[in-house]
Protein backbone atom coordinates (compact mmCIF):
# COMPACT_ATOMS: atom_id res chain seq x y z
CA UNK A 1 0.00 0.00 0.00
CA UNK A 2 2.56 2.54 -1.18
CA UNK A 3 0.09 5.22 -2.18
CA UNK A 4 0.95 8.21 -4.32
CA UNK A 5 3.64 9.54 -1.96
CA UNK A 6 6.35 7.08 -3.00
CA UNK A 7 5.61 7.25 -6.72
CA UNK A 8 8.22 9.94 -7.33
CA UNK A 9 10.98 7.75 -5.90
CA UNK A 10 9.79 4.71 -7.82
CA UNK A 11 9.75 6.83 -10.96
CA UNK A 12 13.38 7.85 -10.41
CA UNK A 13 14.44 4.20 -10.15
CA UNK A 14 12.49 3.24 -13.26
CA UNK A 15 13.85 6.12 -15.33
CA UNK A 16 17.38 4.83 -14.68
CA UNK A 17 16.53 1.27 -15.68
CA UNK A 18 15.58 1.40 -19.35
CA UNK A 19 16.12 -2.37 -19.78
CA UNK A 20 13.47 -3.31 -17.23
CA UNK A 21 11.60 -6.49 -18.13
CA UNK A 22 9.18 -7.13 -15.27
CA UNK A 23 7.31 -4.63 -13.12
CA UNK A 24 4.84 -5.59 -10.40
CA UNK A 25 3.07 -2.76 -8.60
CA UNK A 26 -0.31 -4.34 -7.91
CA UNK A 27 -2.32 -3.45 -4.82
CA UNK A 28 -0.40 -0.33 -3.90
CA UNK A 29 -3.15 2.29 -4.10
CA UNK A 30 -1.02 4.41 -6.43
CA UNK A 31 -4.14 6.06 -7.86
CA UNK A 32 -4.10 7.98 -11.13
CA UNK A 33 -1.40 10.48 -10.20
CA UNK A 34 1.00 7.80 -8.98
CA UNK A 35 0.48 5.60 -12.03
CA UNK A 36 1.02 8.57 -14.34
CA UNK A 37 4.37 9.25 -12.67
CA UNK A 38 5.38 5.62 -13.06
CA UNK A 39 4.31 5.52 -16.70
CA UNK A 40 6.15 8.74 -17.53
CA UNK A 41 9.30 7.18 -16.09
CA UNK A 42 8.84 4.18 -18.37
CA UNK A 43 8.57 6.23 -21.54
CA UNK A 44 12.04 5.20 -22.74
CA UNK A 45 11.64 1.53 -21.82
CA UNK A 46 10.86 -0.88 -24.65
CA UNK A 47 11.92 -4.16 -23.02
CA UNK A 48 8.94 -4.84 -20.72
CA UNK A 49 7.60 -8.38 -20.90
CA UNK A 50 5.42 -8.29 -17.77
CA UNK A 51 3.44 -5.42 -16.26
CA UNK A 52 1.08 -5.67 -13.31
CA UNK A 53 -0.56 -2.48 -12.06
CA UNK A 54 -3.74 -4.12 -10.75
CA UNK A 55 -5.80 -2.75 -7.84
CA UNK A 56 -4.35 0.74 -7.79
CA UNK A 57 -7.62 2.67 -8.07
CA UNK A 58 -6.47 4.28 -11.29
CA UNK A 59 -9.79 5.51 -12.63
CA UNK A 60 -9.79 7.34 -15.97
CA UNK A 61 -6.98 9.88 -15.84
CA UNK A 62 -4.00 7.58 -16.39
CA UNK A 63 -5.28 5.68 -19.44
CA UNK A 64 -3.30 7.71 -21.99
CA UNK A 65 -0.08 7.22 -20.03
CA UNK A 66 -0.63 3.48 -19.66
CA UNK A 67 -1.36 3.26 -23.38
CA UNK A 68 1.88 5.09 -24.19
CA UNK A 69 3.89 2.55 -22.20
CA UNK A 70 2.13 -0.37 -23.86
CA UNK A 71 2.61 0.98 -27.37
CA UNK A 72 6.38 1.16 -26.77
CA UNK A 73 6.58 -2.37 -25.44
CA UNK A 74 5.61 -4.69 -28.25
CA UNK A 75 7.33 -7.66 -26.56
CA UNK A 76 4.84 -7.62 -23.70
CA UNK A 77 3.76 -11.12 -22.66
CA UNK A 78 1.75 -10.49 -19.49
CA UNK A 79 -0.51 -7.55 -18.64
CA UNK A 80 -2.65 -7.22 -15.54
CA UNK A 81 -4.79 -4.14 -14.92
CA UNK A 82 -7.41 -5.83 -12.75
CA UNK A 83 -9.74 -3.90 -10.47
CA UNK A 84 -8.70 -0.37 -11.38
CA UNK A 85 -12.11 1.17 -11.99
CA UNK A 86 -11.13 1.80 -15.61
CA UNK A 87 -14.08 3.12 -17.58
CA UNK A 88 -14.97 1.89 -21.05
CA UNK A 89 -13.04 4.70 -22.74
CA UNK A 90 -9.91 3.85 -20.76
CA UNK A 91 -10.17 0.14 -21.55
CA UNK A 92 -10.46 1.00 -25.23
CA UNK A 93 -7.28 3.10 -25.10
CA UNK A 94 -5.38 0.29 -23.38
CA UNK A 95 -6.56 -2.25 -25.95
CA UNK A 96 -5.69 -0.05 -28.92
CA UNK A 97 -2.17 0.28 -27.51
CA UNK A 98 -1.88 -3.52 -27.50
CA UNK A 99 -2.50 -3.80 -31.23
CA UNK A 100 1.11 -4.84 -31.92
CA UNK A 101 1.60 -6.95 -28.80
CA UNK A 102 1.57 -10.26 -30.66
CA UNK A 103 3.44 -12.11 -27.90
CA UNK A 104 0.74 -11.61 -25.26
CA UNK A 105 0.04 -14.83 -23.34
CA UNK A 106 -1.72 -13.47 -20.23
CA UNK A 107 -4.33 -10.71 -19.99
CA UNK A 108 -6.13 -9.75 -16.81
CA UNK A 109 -8.55 -6.89 -17.32
CA UNK A 110 -11.31 -7.95 -14.94
CA UNK A 111 -13.31 -5.80 -12.53
CA UNK A 112 -13.22 -2.71 -14.69
CA UNK A 113 -16.20 -1.08 -16.39
CA UNK A 114 -16.20 -3.03 -19.64
CA UNK A 115 -19.24 -2.42 -21.84
CA UNK A 116 -20.02 -3.77 -25.32
CA UNK A 117 -17.83 -1.16 -27.04
CA UNK A 118 -14.81 -1.99 -24.90
CA UNK A 119 -15.51 -5.69 -25.43
CA UNK A 120 -15.10 -5.15 -29.17
CA UNK A 121 -11.60 -3.76 -28.60
CA UNK A 122 -10.68 -6.64 -26.30
CA UNK A 123 -11.88 -8.99 -29.03
CA UNK A 124 -9.55 -7.31 -31.54
CA UNK A 125 -6.59 -7.79 -29.20
CA UNK A 126 -7.39 -11.46 -28.68
CA UNK A 127 -7.99 -12.14 -32.36
CA UNK A 128 -4.38 -11.12 -33.00
CA UNK A 129 -2.95 -13.06 -30.07
CA UNK A 130 -3.44 -16.76 -30.67
CA UNK A 131 -0.95 -17.61 -27.91
CA UNK A 132 -3.19 -16.42 -25.06
CA UNK A 133 -2.94 -18.87 -22.16
CA UNK A 134 -4.56 -17.00 -19.28
CA UNK A 135 -7.53 -14.69 -19.68
CA UNK A 136 -9.53 -13.02 -16.92
CA UNK A 137 -12.70 -11.12 -17.81
CA UNK A 138 -14.61 -11.02 -14.54
CA UNK A 139 -17.51 -8.60 -14.40
CA UNK A 140 -17.48 -7.81 -18.11
CA UNK A 141 -20.41 -7.11 -20.38
CA UNK A 142 -19.97 -8.21 -23.96
CA UNK A 143 -18.02 -11.30 -22.92
CA UNK A 144 -19.77 -13.35 -25.61
CA UNK A 145 -18.21 -11.09 -28.27
CA UNK A 146 -14.81 -11.82 -26.79
CA UNK A 147 -15.41 -15.57 -26.80
CA UNK A 148 -16.43 -15.50 -30.47
CA UNK A 149 -12.94 -14.40 -31.55
CA UNK A 150 -11.06 -16.52 -29.07
CA UNK A 151 -9.67 -19.01 -31.55
CA UNK A 152 -6.77 -19.89 -29.30
CA UNK A 153 -6.33 -23.53 -28.41
CA UNK A 154 -3.65 -22.79 -25.84
CA UNK A 155 -5.81 -21.57 -22.92
CA UNK A 156 -4.92 -23.00 -19.53
CA UNK A 157 -6.85 -20.49 -17.36
CA UNK A 158 -10.16 -18.79 -18.16
CA UNK A 159 -12.03 -16.59 -15.72
CA UNK A 160 -15.44 -15.15 -16.57
CA UNK A 161 -17.19 -14.07 -13.39
CA UNK A 162 -20.27 -11.91 -12.72
CA UNK A 163 -20.84 -11.33 -16.44
CA UNK A 164 -24.53 -12.29 -16.49
CA UNK A 165 -24.15 -14.86 -19.26
CA UNK A 166 -27.40 -16.63 -18.49
CA UNK A 167 -28.17 -19.46 -20.91
CA UNK A 168 -26.22 -17.76 -23.72
CA UNK A 169 -23.33 -20.13 -23.16
CA UNK A 170 -22.85 -21.48 -26.69
CA UNK A 171 -19.75 -19.40 -27.43
CA UNK A 172 -18.14 -20.33 -24.14
CA UNK A 173 -18.82 -23.97 -24.92
CA UNK A 174 -17.05 -23.56 -28.28
CA UNK A 175 -14.03 -22.02 -26.57
CA UNK A 176 -13.88 -24.87 -24.08
CA UNK A 177 -14.13 -27.51 -26.80
CA UNK A 178 -11.10 -25.99 -28.54
CA UNK A 179 -8.98 -25.84 -25.42
CA UNK A 180 -8.21 -29.37 -24.35
CA UNK A 181 -5.30 -28.11 -22.23
CA UNK A 182 -7.53 -26.00 -19.99
CA UNK A 183 -6.56 -26.39 -16.33
CA UNK A 184 -8.58 -23.74 -14.51
CA UNK A 185 -12.08 -22.47 -15.26
CA UNK A 186 -13.85 -19.79 -13.21
CA UNK A 187 -17.51 -19.14 -14.01
CA UNK A 188 -19.21 -17.98 -10.77
CA UNK A 189 -21.97 -15.38 -10.64
CA UNK A 190 -23.10 -15.77 -14.25
CA UNK A 191 -26.73 -16.87 -13.77
CA UNK A 192 -26.05 -19.84 -16.08
CA UNK A 193 -29.02 -21.92 -14.91
CA UNK A 194 -29.44 -25.54 -16.00
CA UNK A 195 -29.40 -25.06 -19.79
CA UNK A 196 -26.22 -22.98 -19.72
CA UNK A 197 -24.43 -25.42 -17.45
CA UNK A 198 -25.41 -28.35 -19.70
CA UNK A 199 -23.94 -26.57 -22.72
CA UNK A 200 -20.66 -26.01 -20.90
C-alpha atoms as a PDB file:
ATOM      1  CA  UNK A   1       0.000   0.000   0.000  1.00  0.00           C
ATOM      2  CA  UNK A   2       2.562   2.541  -1.177  1.00  0.00           C
ATOM      3  CA  UNK A   3       0.093   5.221  -2.176  1.00  0.00           C
ATOM      4  CA  UNK A   4       0.953   8.211  -4.315  1.00  0.00           C
ATOM      5  CA  UNK A   5       3.644   9.543  -1.956  1.00  0.00           C
ATOM      6  CA  UNK A   6       6.349   7.077  -2.997  1.00  0.00           C
ATOM      7  CA  UNK A   7       5.609   7.247  -6.717  1.00  0.00           C
ATOM      8  CA  UNK A   8       8.222   9.936  -7.327  1.00  0.00           C
ATOM      9  CA  UNK A   9      10.976   7.754  -5.896  1.00  0.00           C
ATOM     10  CA  UNK A  10       9.791   4.708  -7.820  1.00  0.00           C
ATOM     11  CA  UNK A  11       9.755   6.828 -10.963  1.00  0.00           C
ATOM     12  CA  UNK A  12      13.384   7.847 -10.414  1.00  0.00           C
ATOM     13  CA  UNK A  13      14.441   4.200 -10.152  1.00  0.00           C
ATOM     14  CA  UNK A  14      12.488   3.245 -13.263  1.00  0.00           C
ATOM     15  CA  UNK A  15      13.854   6.118 -15.332  1.00  0.00           C
ATOM     16  CA  UNK A  16      17.376   4.834 -14.677  1.00  0.00           C
ATOM     17  CA  UNK A  17      16.531   1.266 -15.682  1.00  0.00           C
ATOM     18  CA  UNK A  18      15.578   1.395 -19.346  1.00  0.00           C
ATOM     19  CA  UNK A  19      16.118  -2.366 -19.784  1.00  0.00           C
ATOM     20  CA  UNK A  20      13.475  -3.305 -17.225  1.00  0.00           C
ATOM     21  CA  UNK A  21      11.605  -6.491 -18.132  1.00  0.00           C
ATOM     22  CA  UNK A  22       9.183  -7.134 -15.267  1.00  0.00           C
ATOM     23  CA  UNK A  23       7.306  -4.633 -13.121  1.00  0.00           C
ATOM     24  CA  UNK A  24       4.838  -5.586 -10.402  1.00  0.00           C
ATOM     25  CA  UNK A  25       3.073  -2.757  -8.600  1.00  0.00           C
ATOM     26  CA  UNK A  26      -0.306  -4.336  -7.907  1.00  0.00           C
ATOM     27  CA  UNK A  27      -2.322  -3.452  -4.825  1.00  0.00           C
ATOM     28  CA  UNK A  28      -0.404  -0.331  -3.898  1.00  0.00           C
ATOM     29  CA  UNK A  29      -3.152   2.295  -4.105  1.00  0.00           C
ATOM     30  CA  UNK A  30      -1.020   4.410  -6.425  1.00  0.00           C
ATOM     31  CA  UNK A  31      -4.140   6.057  -7.864  1.00  0.00           C
ATOM     32  CA  UNK A  32      -4.096   7.984 -11.132  1.00  0.00           C
ATOM     33  CA  UNK A  33      -1.401  10.476 -10.196  1.00  0.00           C
ATOM     34  CA  UNK A  34       1.005   7.802  -8.982  1.00  0.00           C
ATOM     35  CA  UNK A  35       0.476   5.596 -12.034  1.00  0.00           C
ATOM     36  CA  UNK A  36       1.015   8.570 -14.344  1.00  0.00           C
ATOM     37  CA  UNK A  37       4.371   9.254 -12.675  1.00  0.00           C
ATOM     38  CA  UNK A  38       5.377   5.618 -13.056  1.00  0.00           C
ATOM     39  CA  UNK A  39       4.313   5.522 -16.699  1.00  0.00           C
ATOM     40  CA  UNK A  40       6.146   8.738 -17.529  1.00  0.00           C
ATOM     41  CA  UNK A  41       9.300   7.181 -16.085  1.00  0.00           C
ATOM     42  CA  UNK A  42       8.838   4.178 -18.370  1.00  0.00           C
ATOM     43  CA  UNK A  43       8.566   6.231 -21.538  1.00  0.00           C
ATOM     44  CA  UNK A  44      12.041   5.197 -22.738  1.00  0.00           C
ATOM     45  CA  UNK A  45      11.643   1.533 -21.821  1.00  0.00           C
ATOM     46  CA  UNK A  46      10.864  -0.878 -24.647  1.00  0.00           C
ATOM     47  CA  UNK A  47      11.916  -4.157 -23.017  1.00  0.00           C
ATOM     48  CA  UNK A  48       8.940  -4.836 -20.716  1.00  0.00           C
ATOM     49  CA  UNK A  49       7.603  -8.382 -20.901  1.00  0.00           C
ATOM     50  CA  UNK A  50       5.424  -8.290 -17.766  1.00  0.00           C
ATOM     51  CA  UNK A  51       3.437  -5.421 -16.260  1.00  0.00           C
ATOM     52  CA  UNK A  52       1.078  -5.674 -13.313  1.00  0.00           C
ATOM     53  CA  UNK A  53      -0.563  -2.485 -12.057  1.00  0.00           C
ATOM     54  CA  UNK A  54      -3.743  -4.116 -10.749  1.00  0.00           C
ATOM     55  CA  UNK A  55      -5.802  -2.749  -7.844  1.00  0.00           C
ATOM     56  CA  UNK A  56      -4.345   0.744  -7.786  1.00  0.00           C
ATOM     57  CA  UNK A  57      -7.621   2.668  -8.070  1.00  0.00           C
ATOM     58  CA  UNK A  58      -6.473   4.278 -11.295  1.00  0.00           C
ATOM     59  CA  UNK A  59      -9.791   5.510 -12.626  1.00  0.00           C
ATOM     60  CA  UNK A  60      -9.794   7.343 -15.968  1.00  0.00           C
ATOM     61  CA  UNK A  61      -6.980   9.884 -15.836  1.00  0.00           C
ATOM     62  CA  UNK A  62      -4.004   7.583 -16.387  1.00  0.00           C
ATOM     63  CA  UNK A  63      -5.280   5.683 -19.444  1.00  0.00           C
ATOM     64  CA  UNK A  64      -3.300   7.714 -21.986  1.00  0.00           C
ATOM     65  CA  UNK A  65      -0.082   7.224 -20.029  1.00  0.00           C
ATOM     66  CA  UNK A  66      -0.628   3.480 -19.663  1.00  0.00           C
ATOM     67  CA  UNK A  67      -1.364   3.261 -23.382  1.00  0.00           C
ATOM     68  CA  UNK A  68       1.877   5.092 -24.191  1.00  0.00           C
ATOM     69  CA  UNK A  69       3.887   2.553 -22.198  1.00  0.00           C
ATOM     70  CA  UNK A  70       2.126  -0.368 -23.862  1.00  0.00           C
ATOM     71  CA  UNK A  71       2.609   0.977 -27.368  1.00  0.00           C
ATOM     72  CA  UNK A  72       6.384   1.163 -26.766  1.00  0.00           C
ATOM     73  CA  UNK A  73       6.585  -2.369 -25.440  1.00  0.00           C
ATOM     74  CA  UNK A  74       5.607  -4.695 -28.251  1.00  0.00           C
ATOM     75  CA  UNK A  75       7.327  -7.658 -26.557  1.00  0.00           C
ATOM     76  CA  UNK A  76       4.841  -7.615 -23.698  1.00  0.00           C
ATOM     77  CA  UNK A  77       3.764 -11.119 -22.658  1.00  0.00           C
ATOM     78  CA  UNK A  78       1.746 -10.490 -19.493  1.00  0.00           C
ATOM     79  CA  UNK A  79      -0.512  -7.546 -18.639  1.00  0.00           C
ATOM     80  CA  UNK A  80      -2.651  -7.223 -15.536  1.00  0.00           C
ATOM     81  CA  UNK A  81      -4.786  -4.139 -14.921  1.00  0.00           C
ATOM     82  CA  UNK A  82      -7.410  -5.831 -12.749  1.00  0.00           C
ATOM     83  CA  UNK A  83      -9.736  -3.901 -10.473  1.00  0.00           C
ATOM     84  CA  UNK A  84      -8.695  -0.372 -11.381  1.00  0.00           C
ATOM     85  CA  UNK A  85     -12.106   1.165 -11.992  1.00  0.00           C
ATOM     86  CA  UNK A  86     -11.129   1.795 -15.609  1.00  0.00           C
ATOM     87  CA  UNK A  87     -14.077   3.123 -17.577  1.00  0.00           C
ATOM     88  CA  UNK A  88     -14.966   1.888 -21.047  1.00  0.00           C
ATOM     89  CA  UNK A  89     -13.040   4.697 -22.740  1.00  0.00           C
ATOM     90  CA  UNK A  90      -9.908   3.848 -20.763  1.00  0.00           C
ATOM     91  CA  UNK A  91     -10.165   0.137 -21.546  1.00  0.00           C
ATOM     92  CA  UNK A  92     -10.459   0.996 -25.233  1.00  0.00           C
ATOM     93  CA  UNK A  93      -7.279   3.100 -25.101  1.00  0.00           C
ATOM     94  CA  UNK A  94      -5.381   0.295 -23.380  1.00  0.00           C
ATOM     95  CA  UNK A  95      -6.557  -2.247 -25.950  1.00  0.00           C
ATOM     96  CA  UNK A  96      -5.689  -0.047 -28.916  1.00  0.00           C
ATOM     97  CA  UNK A  97      -2.170   0.282 -27.507  1.00  0.00           C
ATOM     98  CA  UNK A  98      -1.880  -3.521 -27.505  1.00  0.00           C
ATOM     99  CA  UNK A  99      -2.504  -3.796 -31.231  1.00  0.00           C
ATOM    100  CA  UNK A 100       1.108  -4.835 -31.923  1.00  0.00           C
ATOM    101  CA  UNK A 101       1.597  -6.950 -28.798  1.00  0.00           C
ATOM    102  CA  UNK A 102       1.567 -10.261 -30.665  1.00  0.00           C
ATOM    103  CA  UNK A 103       3.445 -12.111 -27.898  1.00  0.00           C
ATOM    104  CA  UNK A 104       0.739 -11.608 -25.263  1.00  0.00           C
ATOM    105  CA  UNK A 105       0.044 -14.826 -23.337  1.00  0.00           C
ATOM    106  CA  UNK A 106      -1.720 -13.466 -20.230  1.00  0.00           C
ATOM    107  CA  UNK A 107      -4.333 -10.713 -19.990  1.00  0.00           C
ATOM    108  CA  UNK A 108      -6.130  -9.752 -16.808  1.00  0.00           C
ATOM    109  CA  UNK A 109      -8.555  -6.888 -17.316  1.00  0.00           C
ATOM    110  CA  UNK A 110     -11.314  -7.953 -14.940  1.00  0.00           C
ATOM    111  CA  UNK A 111     -13.311  -5.805 -12.526  1.00  0.00           C
ATOM    112  CA  UNK A 112     -13.221  -2.714 -14.686  1.00  0.00           C
ATOM    113  CA  UNK A 113     -16.203  -1.081 -16.388  1.00  0.00           C
ATOM    114  CA  UNK A 114     -16.196  -3.028 -19.642  1.00  0.00           C
ATOM    115  CA  UNK A 115     -19.238  -2.420 -21.838  1.00  0.00           C
ATOM    116  CA  UNK A 116     -20.023  -3.772 -25.322  1.00  0.00           C
ATOM    117  CA  UNK A 117     -17.834  -1.164 -27.041  1.00  0.00           C
ATOM    118  CA  UNK A 118     -14.813  -1.991 -24.901  1.00  0.00           C
ATOM    119  CA  UNK A 119     -15.506  -5.695 -25.428  1.00  0.00           C
ATOM    120  CA  UNK A 120     -15.104  -5.150 -29.168  1.00  0.00           C
ATOM    121  CA  UNK A 121     -11.602  -3.759 -28.604  1.00  0.00           C
ATOM    122  CA  UNK A 122     -10.676  -6.637 -26.305  1.00  0.00           C
ATOM    123  CA  UNK A 123     -11.878  -8.988 -29.032  1.00  0.00           C
ATOM    124  CA  UNK A 124      -9.546  -7.310 -31.536  1.00  0.00           C
ATOM    125  CA  UNK A 125      -6.585  -7.791 -29.201  1.00  0.00           C
ATOM    126  CA  UNK A 126      -7.395 -11.461 -28.682  1.00  0.00           C
ATOM    127  CA  UNK A 127      -7.990 -12.143 -32.364  1.00  0.00           C
ATOM    128  CA  UNK A 128      -4.385 -11.122 -33.002  1.00  0.00           C
ATOM    129  CA  UNK A 129      -2.948 -13.059 -30.073  1.00  0.00           C
ATOM    130  CA  UNK A 130      -3.437 -16.758 -30.668  1.00  0.00           C
ATOM    131  CA  UNK A 131      -0.951 -17.610 -27.907  1.00  0.00           C
ATOM    132  CA  UNK A 132      -3.189 -16.418 -25.060  1.00  0.00           C
ATOM    133  CA  UNK A 133      -2.937 -18.867 -22.161  1.00  0.00           C
ATOM    134  CA  UNK A 134      -4.557 -17.000 -19.281  1.00  0.00           C
ATOM    135  CA  UNK A 135      -7.533 -14.689 -19.683  1.00  0.00           C
ATOM    136  CA  UNK A 136      -9.529 -13.022 -16.918  1.00  0.00           C
ATOM    137  CA  UNK A 137     -12.701 -11.120 -17.808  1.00  0.00           C
ATOM    138  CA  UNK A 138     -14.606 -11.018 -14.543  1.00  0.00           C
ATOM    139  CA  UNK A 139     -17.508  -8.601 -14.396  1.00  0.00           C
ATOM    140  CA  UNK A 140     -17.477  -7.808 -18.109  1.00  0.00           C
ATOM    141  CA  UNK A 141     -20.406  -7.109 -20.382  1.00  0.00           C
ATOM    142  CA  UNK A 142     -19.966  -8.211 -23.960  1.00  0.00           C
ATOM    143  CA  UNK A 143     -18.019 -11.301 -22.923  1.00  0.00           C
ATOM    144  CA  UNK A 144     -19.774 -13.351 -25.614  1.00  0.00           C
ATOM    145  CA  UNK A 145     -18.214 -11.094 -28.268  1.00  0.00           C
ATOM    146  CA  UNK A 146     -14.815 -11.819 -26.786  1.00  0.00           C
ATOM    147  CA  UNK A 147     -15.407 -15.569 -26.802  1.00  0.00           C
ATOM    148  CA  UNK A 148     -16.433 -15.502 -30.471  1.00  0.00           C
ATOM    149  CA  UNK A 149     -12.945 -14.399 -31.545  1.00  0.00           C
ATOM    150  CA  UNK A 150     -11.063 -16.517 -29.067  1.00  0.00           C
ATOM    151  CA  UNK A 151      -9.671 -19.008 -31.549  1.00  0.00           C
ATOM    152  CA  UNK A 152      -6.774 -19.887 -29.301  1.00  0.00           C
ATOM    153  CA  UNK A 153      -6.326 -23.531 -28.407  1.00  0.00           C
ATOM    154  CA  UNK A 154      -3.646 -22.791 -25.835  1.00  0.00           C
ATOM    155  CA  UNK A 155      -5.811 -21.570 -22.924  1.00  0.00           C
ATOM    156  CA  UNK A 156      -4.918 -23.000 -19.531  1.00  0.00           C
ATOM    157  CA  UNK A 157      -6.851 -20.487 -17.364  1.00  0.00           C
ATOM    158  CA  UNK A 158     -10.158 -18.793 -18.164  1.00  0.00           C
ATOM    159  CA  UNK A 159     -12.027 -16.590 -15.719  1.00  0.00           C
ATOM    160  CA  UNK A 160     -15.441 -15.150 -16.573  1.00  0.00           C
ATOM    161  CA  UNK A 161     -17.190 -14.073 -13.393  1.00  0.00           C
ATOM    162  CA  UNK A 162     -20.270 -11.905 -12.722  1.00  0.00           C
ATOM    163  CA  UNK A 163     -20.836 -11.325 -16.438  1.00  0.00           C
ATOM    164  CA  UNK A 164     -24.532 -12.291 -16.489  1.00  0.00           C
ATOM    165  CA  UNK A 165     -24.147 -14.857 -19.262  1.00  0.00           C
ATOM    166  CA  UNK A 166     -27.397 -16.627 -18.488  1.00  0.00           C
ATOM    167  CA  UNK A 167     -28.166 -19.464 -20.909  1.00  0.00           C
ATOM    168  CA  UNK A 168     -26.225 -17.760 -23.718  1.00  0.00           C
ATOM    169  CA  UNK A 169     -23.328 -20.128 -23.157  1.00  0.00           C
ATOM    170  CA  UNK A 170     -22.853 -21.477 -26.692  1.00  0.00           C
ATOM    171  CA  UNK A 171     -19.746 -19.403 -27.430  1.00  0.00           C
ATOM    172  CA  UNK A 172     -18.142 -20.326 -24.141  1.00  0.00           C
ATOM    173  CA  UNK A 173     -18.818 -23.971 -24.921  1.00  0.00           C
ATOM    174  CA  UNK A 174     -17.046 -23.558 -28.276  1.00  0.00           C
ATOM    175  CA  UNK A 175     -14.028 -22.019 -26.569  1.00  0.00           C
ATOM    176  CA  UNK A 176     -13.877 -24.872 -24.081  1.00  0.00           C
ATOM    177  CA  UNK A 177     -14.134 -27.509 -26.798  1.00  0.00           C
ATOM    178  CA  UNK A 178     -11.102 -25.990 -28.536  1.00  0.00           C
ATOM    179  CA  UNK A 179      -8.985 -25.844 -25.416  1.00  0.00           C
ATOM    180  CA  UNK A 180      -8.213 -29.371 -24.354  1.00  0.00           C
ATOM    181  CA  UNK A 181      -5.302 -28.115 -22.231  1.00  0.00           C
ATOM    182  CA  UNK A 182      -7.534 -26.002 -19.989  1.00  0.00           C
ATOM    183  CA  UNK A 183      -6.557 -26.394 -16.333  1.00  0.00           C
ATOM    184  CA  UNK A 184      -8.579 -23.735 -14.514  1.00  0.00           C
ATOM    185  CA  UNK A 185     -12.078 -22.468 -15.263  1.00  0.00           C
ATOM    186  CA  UNK A 186     -13.855 -19.790 -13.208  1.00  0.00           C
ATOM    187  CA  UNK A 187     -17.513 -19.137 -14.012  1.00  0.00           C
ATOM    188  CA  UNK A 188     -19.208 -17.978 -10.765  1.00  0.00           C
ATOM    189  CA  UNK A 189     -21.965 -15.381 -10.640  1.00  0.00           C
ATOM    190  CA  UNK A 190     -23.100 -15.771 -14.248  1.00  0.00           C
ATOM    191  CA  UNK A 191     -26.729 -16.874 -13.774  1.00  0.00           C
ATOM    192  CA  UNK A 192     -26.048 -19.837 -16.082  1.00  0.00           C
ATOM    193  CA  UNK A 193     -29.021 -21.924 -14.913  1.00  0.00           C
ATOM    194  CA  UNK A 194     -29.443 -25.542 -16.000  1.00  0.00           C
ATOM    195  CA  UNK A 195     -29.396 -25.064 -19.787  1.00  0.00           C
ATOM    196  CA  UNK A 196     -26.218 -22.983 -19.724  1.00  0.00           C
ATOM    197  CA  UNK A 197     -24.431 -25.421 -17.446  1.00  0.00           C
ATOM    198  CA  UNK A 198     -25.412 -28.354 -19.699  1.00  0.00           C
ATOM    199  CA  UNK A 199     -23.937 -26.574 -22.723  1.00  0.00           C
ATOM    200  CA  UNK A 200     -20.663 -26.010 -20.902  1.00  0.00           C
END
